[in-house]
Amino acid sequence: MSHFFEGLATVAVIARYEGRPPAELTTLECPVRLSKVGSDCTRVELAHFLEGPKDANMLRVILPDGLMVQGLIVGGSNQPLGGWLLIDVESGELGFALPANGSGSNEDQHG
């Protein structure tokens, strides 16, 4: 497991189901620790209970530098004194963005 962030982040707990309007509750300055688990899963460790829609199935974490990690909740434990959630991050959503002076070009990606 590779730890890649610890600190305050904006965390949105989302319930998104076909045929129903999405429900979302966002917590600002939520203390979290993010770890990469395999190639497409991220573990989000929580310092306290995370409020959200009862039937939440997605989580979005926005880090202070603007990096966003988002995906379906596939496991976890949300307890009063903390816990963890495992999210299945689809390819492309876990955007380890290149630095402003990094190599690579958007033109290469768009043809």
N, C-alpha and C. Protein backbone atom coordinates (compact mmCIF):
# COMPACT_ATOMS: atom_id res chain seq x y z
N MET A 1 0.85 -1.17 0.00
CA MET A 1 0.00 0.00 0.00
C MET A 1 0.90 1.24 0.00
N SER A 2 0.65 2.13 -0.90
CA SER A 2 1.47 3.32 -1.06
C SER A 2 0.72 4.56 -0.59
N HIS A 3 1.18 5.17 0.51
CA HIS A 3 0.55 6.36 1.09
C HIS A 3 0.94 7.57 0.24
N PHE A 4 -0.05 8.38 -0.22
CA PHE A 4 0.32 9.52 -1.03
C PHE A 4 -0.24 10.85 -0.56
N PHE A 5 -1.06 10.90 0.49
CA PHE A 5 -1.52 12.18 1.02
C PHE A 5 -2.01 11.99 2.45
N GLU A 6 -1.69 12.98 3.30
CA GLU A 6 -2.26 13.05 4.64
C GLU A 6 -2.45 14.51 4.97
N GLY A 7 -3.67 14.87 5.36
CA GLY A 7 -3.96 16.26 5.70
C GLY A 7 -5.43 16.57 5.51
N LEU A 8 -5.74 17.87 5.39
CA LEU A 8 -7.11 18.31 5.23
C LEU A 8 -7.51 18.32 3.77
N ALA A 9 -8.71 17.84 3.50
CA ALA A 9 -9.22 17.78 2.13
C ALA A 9 -10.72 18.06 2.15
N THR A 10 -11.27 18.36 0.99
CA THR A 10 -12.71 18.49 0.82
C THR A 10 -13.24 17.13 0.40
N VAL A 11 -14.20 16.61 1.16
CA VAL A 11 -14.71 15.26 0.90
C VAL A 11 -16.21 15.33 0.65
N ALA A 12 -16.64 14.80 -0.49
CA ALA A 12 -18.06 14.73 -0.83
C ALA A 12 -18.51 13.28 -0.80
N VAL A 13 -19.57 13.02 -0.05
CA VAL A 13 -20.19 11.70 0.01
C VAL A 13 -21.43 11.79 -0.88
N ILE A 14 -21.54 10.88 -1.84
CA ILE A 14 -22.54 11.00 -2.90
C ILE A 14 -23.37 9.73 -3.01
N ALA A 15 -24.67 9.92 -3.20
CA ALA A 15 -25.57 8.81 -3.55
C ALA A 15 -26.05 9.09 -4.97
N ARG A 16 -25.62 8.27 -5.90
CA ARG A 16 -25.98 8.48 -7.31
C ARG A 16 -26.52 7.17 -7.85
N TYR A 17 -27.81 7.18 -8.19
CA TYR A 17 -28.49 6.01 -8.70
C TYR A 17 -29.33 6.39 -9.90
N GLU A 18 -29.41 5.51 -10.87
CA GLU A 18 -30.21 5.75 -12.07
C GLU A 18 -31.67 5.97 -11.69
N GLY A 19 -32.27 6.99 -12.30
CA GLY A 19 -33.68 7.28 -12.06
C GLY A 19 -33.96 8.12 -10.82
N ARG A 20 -32.92 8.49 -10.08
CA ARG A 20 -33.08 9.33 -8.89
C ARG A 20 -32.14 10.51 -8.97
N PRO A 21 -32.55 11.67 -8.47
CA PRO A 21 -31.61 12.79 -8.45
C PRO A 21 -30.46 12.49 -7.48
N PRO A 22 -29.24 12.90 -7.83
CA PRO A 22 -28.11 12.62 -6.93
C PRO A 22 -28.25 13.41 -5.62
N ALA A 23 -27.78 12.81 -4.54
CA ALA A 23 -27.71 13.48 -3.24
C ALA A 23 -26.24 13.54 -2.85
N GLU A 24 -25.82 14.68 -2.30
CA GLU A 24 -24.41 14.87 -1.99
C GLU A 24 -24.27 15.71 -0.74
N LEU A 25 -23.32 15.36 0.11
CA LEU A 25 -22.99 16.15 1.29
C LEU A 25 -21.48 16.33 1.31
N THR A 26 -21.04 17.59 1.35
CA THR A 26 -19.62 17.90 1.29
C THR A 26 -19.12 18.36 2.65
N THR A 27 -17.98 17.83 3.06
CA THR A 27 -17.31 18.23 4.30
C THR A 27 -16.02 18.94 3.92
N LEU A 28 -15.88 20.19 4.35
CA LEU A 28 -14.66 20.95 4.09
C LEU A 28 -13.65 20.67 5.20
N GLU A 29 -12.38 20.76 4.88
CA GLU A 29 -11.29 20.58 5.84
C GLU A 29 -11.44 19.30 6.66
N CYS A 30 -11.69 18.23 5.97
CA CYS A 30 -11.83 16.91 6.60
C CYS A 30 -10.45 16.25 6.67
N PRO A 31 -9.98 15.85 7.86
CA PRO A 31 -8.69 15.18 7.95
C PRO A 31 -8.76 13.77 7.37
N VAL A 32 -7.91 13.50 6.38
CA VAL A 32 -7.89 12.20 5.72
C VAL A 32 -6.46 11.74 5.49
N ARG A 33 -6.32 10.45 5.24
CA ARG A 33 -5.06 9.87 4.76
C ARG A 33 -5.42 9.01 3.57
N LEU A 34 -4.78 9.24 2.44
CA LEU A 34 -5.05 8.47 1.23
C LEU A 34 -3.90 7.53 0.94
N SER A 35 -4.24 6.31 0.59
CA SER A 35 -3.25 5.31 0.21
C SER A 35 -3.74 4.62 -1.05
N LYS A 36 -2.83 4.36 -1.95
CA LYS A 36 -3.16 3.64 -3.17
C LYS A 36 -3.09 2.14 -2.87
N VAL A 37 -4.13 1.41 -3.26
CA VAL A 37 -4.20 -0.03 -3.03
C VAL A 37 -4.37 -0.68 -4.40
N GLY A 38 -3.33 -1.26 -4.92
CA GLY A 38 -3.41 -1.82 -6.27
C GLY A 38 -3.43 -0.72 -7.30
N SER A 39 -3.81 -1.08 -8.52
CA SER A 39 -3.75 -0.10 -9.61
C SER A 39 -4.98 0.78 -9.70
N ASP A 40 -6.11 0.34 -9.12
CA ASP A 40 -7.33 1.13 -9.32
C ASP A 40 -8.17 1.30 -8.06
N CYS A 41 -7.57 1.16 -6.89
CA CYS A 41 -8.30 1.38 -5.64
C CYS A 41 -7.53 2.34 -4.75
N THR A 42 -8.29 3.16 -4.03
CA THR A 42 -7.70 4.09 -3.07
C THR A 42 -8.39 3.89 -1.73
N ARG A 43 -7.59 3.82 -0.67
CA ARG A 43 -8.11 3.71 0.69
C ARG A 43 -8.10 5.11 1.29
N VAL A 44 -9.26 5.54 1.81
CA VAL A 44 -9.41 6.84 2.44
C VAL A 44 -9.62 6.59 3.93
N GLU A 45 -8.63 6.95 4.74
CA GLU A 45 -8.74 6.79 6.19
C GLU A 45 -9.29 8.07 6.78
N LEU A 46 -10.24 7.93 7.70
CA LEU A 46 -10.97 9.06 8.27
C LEU A 46 -10.65 9.22 9.75
N ALA A 47 -10.57 10.48 10.21
CA ALA A 47 -10.28 10.75 11.61
C ALA A 47 -11.55 10.78 12.46
N HIS A 48 -12.72 10.88 11.80
CA HIS A 48 -13.99 10.90 12.52
C HIS A 48 -15.09 10.42 11.58
N PHE A 49 -16.30 10.27 12.11
CA PHE A 49 -17.44 9.82 11.31
C PHE A 49 -17.67 10.80 10.16
N LEU A 50 -17.91 10.28 8.98
CA LEU A 50 -18.14 11.10 7.80
C LEU A 50 -19.63 11.12 7.49
N GLU A 51 -20.24 12.30 7.60
CA GLU A 51 -21.67 12.46 7.32
C GLU A 51 -21.91 12.36 5.82
N GLY A 52 -23.09 11.86 5.46
CA GLY A 52 -23.44 11.77 4.05
C GLY A 52 -24.78 11.10 3.87
N PRO A 53 -25.24 11.02 2.62
CA PRO A 53 -26.50 10.34 2.35
C PRO A 53 -26.45 8.89 2.84
N LYS A 54 -27.57 8.41 3.36
CA LYS A 54 -27.65 7.06 3.94
C LYS A 54 -27.22 5.97 2.95
N ASP A 55 -27.62 6.11 1.71
CA ASP A 55 -27.32 5.09 0.70
C ASP A 55 -26.19 5.50 -0.23
N ALA A 56 -25.19 6.20 0.32
CA ALA A 56 -24.07 6.69 -0.49
C ALA A 56 -23.35 5.55 -1.19
N ASN A 57 -22.96 5.80 -2.44
CA ASN A 57 -22.22 4.78 -3.19
C ASN A 57 -20.98 5.35 -3.88
N MET A 58 -20.72 6.65 -3.71
CA MET A 58 -19.55 7.27 -4.32
C MET A 58 -18.88 8.22 -3.32
N LEU A 59 -17.59 8.45 -3.54
CA LEU A 59 -16.84 9.38 -2.71
C LEU A 59 -15.94 10.21 -3.61
N ARG A 60 -15.86 11.50 -3.32
CA ARG A 60 -14.96 12.40 -4.04
C ARG A 60 -14.10 13.12 -3.01
N VAL A 61 -12.78 13.08 -3.20
CA VAL A 61 -11.84 13.75 -2.31
C VAL A 61 -11.06 14.75 -3.15
N ILE A 62 -11.11 16.03 -2.75
CA ILE A 62 -10.37 17.07 -3.47
C ILE A 62 -9.27 17.57 -2.53
N LEU A 63 -8.03 17.40 -2.97
CA LEU A 63 -6.87 17.79 -2.17
C LEU A 63 -6.60 19.28 -2.32
N PRO A 64 -5.84 19.88 -1.41
CA PRO A 64 -5.57 21.32 -1.46
C PRO A 64 -4.93 21.78 -2.78
N ASP A 65 -4.17 20.91 -3.44
CA ASP A 65 -3.52 21.29 -4.70
C ASP A 65 -4.44 21.12 -5.91
N GLY A 66 -5.69 20.71 -5.67
CA GLY A 66 -6.66 20.56 -6.75
C GLY A 66 -6.79 19.14 -7.28
N LEU A 67 -5.91 18.23 -6.90
CA LEU A 67 -6.01 16.84 -7.33
C LEU A 67 -7.30 16.25 -6.79
N MET A 68 -8.03 15.53 -7.64
CA MET A 68 -9.28 14.91 -7.22
C MET A 68 -9.19 13.41 -7.37
N VAL A 69 -9.67 12.70 -6.35
CA VAL A 69 -9.79 11.26 -6.38
C VAL A 69 -11.27 10.96 -6.19
N GLN A 70 -11.85 10.18 -7.10
CA GLN A 70 -13.28 9.92 -7.05
C GLN A 70 -13.56 8.50 -7.51
N GLY A 71 -14.54 7.88 -6.89
CA GLY A 71 -14.91 6.54 -7.34
C GLY A 71 -16.02 5.94 -6.51
N LEU A 72 -16.41 4.75 -6.93
CA LEU A 72 -17.45 4.00 -6.23
C LEU A 72 -16.91 3.45 -4.92
N ILE A 73 -17.72 3.50 -3.88
CA ILE A 73 -17.35 2.93 -2.58
C ILE A 73 -17.53 1.42 -2.68
N VAL A 74 -16.45 0.67 -2.44
CA VAL A 74 -16.51 -0.79 -2.55
C VAL A 74 -16.32 -1.49 -1.20
N GLY A 75 -16.04 -0.71 -0.16
CA GLY A 75 -15.88 -1.31 1.16
C GLY A 75 -15.55 -0.24 2.17
N GLY A 76 -15.58 -0.63 3.44
CA GLY A 76 -15.16 0.31 4.45
C GLY A 76 -15.90 0.18 5.76
N SER A 77 -15.55 1.08 6.66
CA SER A 77 -16.14 1.14 7.98
C SER A 77 -16.15 2.60 8.41
N ASN A 78 -17.33 3.19 8.56
CA ASN A 78 -17.49 4.58 8.94
C ASN A 78 -18.00 4.60 10.38
N GLN A 79 -17.10 4.82 11.33
CA GLN A 79 -17.41 4.75 12.76
C GLN A 79 -17.32 6.14 13.41
N PRO A 80 -17.93 6.33 14.58
CA PRO A 80 -17.90 7.63 15.24
C PRO A 80 -16.49 8.18 15.48
N LEU A 81 -15.54 7.33 15.76
CA LEU A 81 -14.17 7.78 16.03
C LEU A 81 -13.24 7.63 14.84
N GLY A 82 -13.80 7.44 13.67
CA GLY A 82 -12.98 7.30 12.46
C GLY A 82 -13.29 6.03 11.73
N GLY A 83 -12.53 5.78 10.72
CA GLY A 83 -12.75 4.58 9.93
C GLY A 83 -12.02 4.69 8.61
N TRP A 84 -12.53 3.97 7.63
CA TRP A 84 -11.89 3.97 6.32
C TRP A 84 -12.92 3.61 5.26
N LEU A 85 -12.67 4.08 4.04
CA LEU A 85 -13.49 3.72 2.88
C LEU A 85 -12.55 3.32 1.76
N LEU A 86 -12.92 2.31 1.02
CA LEU A 86 -12.16 1.87 -0.15
C LEU A 86 -12.96 2.26 -1.37
N ILE A 87 -12.33 3.01 -2.28
CA ILE A 87 -13.03 3.42 -3.49
C ILE A 87 -12.33 2.85 -4.72
N ASP A 88 -13.15 2.44 -5.67
CA ASP A 88 -12.68 1.90 -6.95
C ASP A 88 -12.56 3.07 -7.91
N VAL A 89 -11.35 3.47 -8.19
CA VAL A 89 -11.09 4.64 -9.01
C VAL A 89 -10.91 4.20 -10.45
N GLU A 90 -11.76 4.72 -11.33
CA GLU A 90 -11.65 4.38 -12.75
C GLU A 90 -10.42 5.04 -13.34
N SER A 91 -9.84 4.40 -14.33
CA SER A 91 -8.68 4.93 -15.02
C SER A 91 -8.98 6.33 -15.51
N GLY A 92 -8.09 7.25 -15.23
CA GLY A 92 -8.27 8.62 -15.66
C GLY A 92 -8.85 9.51 -14.58
N GLU A 93 -9.52 8.93 -13.58
CA GLU A 93 -10.09 9.76 -12.52
C GLU A 93 -9.07 10.04 -11.42
N LEU A 94 -8.11 9.14 -11.24
CA LEU A 94 -7.07 9.37 -10.25
C LEU A 94 -5.97 10.15 -10.96
N GLY A 95 -6.18 11.43 -11.10
CA GLY A 95 -5.33 12.27 -11.93
C GLY A 95 -4.07 12.72 -11.26
N PHE A 96 -3.04 11.93 -11.33
CA PHE A 96 -1.74 12.40 -10.88
C PHE A 96 -1.27 13.38 -11.94
N ALA A 97 -1.66 14.63 -11.78
CA ALA A 97 -1.40 15.65 -12.79
C ALA A 97 0.10 15.90 -12.93
N LEU A 98 0.51 16.19 -14.16
CA LEU A 98 1.90 16.56 -14.40
C LEU A 98 2.13 17.95 -13.82
N PRO A 99 3.32 18.22 -13.30
CA PRO A 99 3.63 19.56 -12.83
C PRO A 99 3.53 20.54 -14.00
N ALA A 100 3.37 21.82 -13.69
CA ALA A 100 3.22 22.84 -14.73
C ALA A 100 4.37 22.80 -15.73
N ASN A 101 5.57 22.46 -15.28
CA ASN A 101 6.72 22.39 -16.18
C ASN A 101 7.03 20.96 -16.59
N GLY A 102 6.08 20.04 -16.36
CA GLY A 102 6.30 18.63 -16.67
C GLY A 102 6.28 18.36 -18.16
N SER A 103 6.78 17.19 -18.52
CA SER A 103 6.78 16.81 -19.93
C SER A 103 5.43 16.27 -20.31
N GLY A 104 5.18 16.18 -21.57
CA GLY A 104 3.89 15.69 -22.07
C GLY A 104 3.06 16.84 -22.57
N SER A 105 2.15 16.52 -23.45
CA SER A 105 1.32 17.55 -24.06
C SER A 105 -0.10 17.06 -24.17
N ASN A 106 -1.05 17.95 -23.91
CA ASN A 106 -2.45 17.60 -24.08
C ASN A 106 -2.76 17.30 -25.54
N GLU A 107 -2.02 17.94 -26.45
CA GLU A 107 -2.26 17.70 -27.87
C GLU A 107 -2.00 16.24 -28.22
N ASP A 108 -1.02 15.63 -27.57
CA ASP A 108 -0.73 14.22 -27.83
C ASP A 108 -1.91 13.34 -27.43
N GLN A 109 -2.65 13.75 -26.41
CA GLN A 109 -3.76 12.95 -25.92
C GLN A 109 -5.01 13.13 -26.77
N HIS A 110 -5.12 14.25 -27.46
CA HIS A 110 -6.33 14.55 -28.22
C HIS A 110 -6.14 14.36 -29.71
N GLY A 111 -4.99 13.94 -30.14
CA GLY A 111 -4.75 13.65 -31.54
C GLY A 111 -4.36 14.83 -32.28
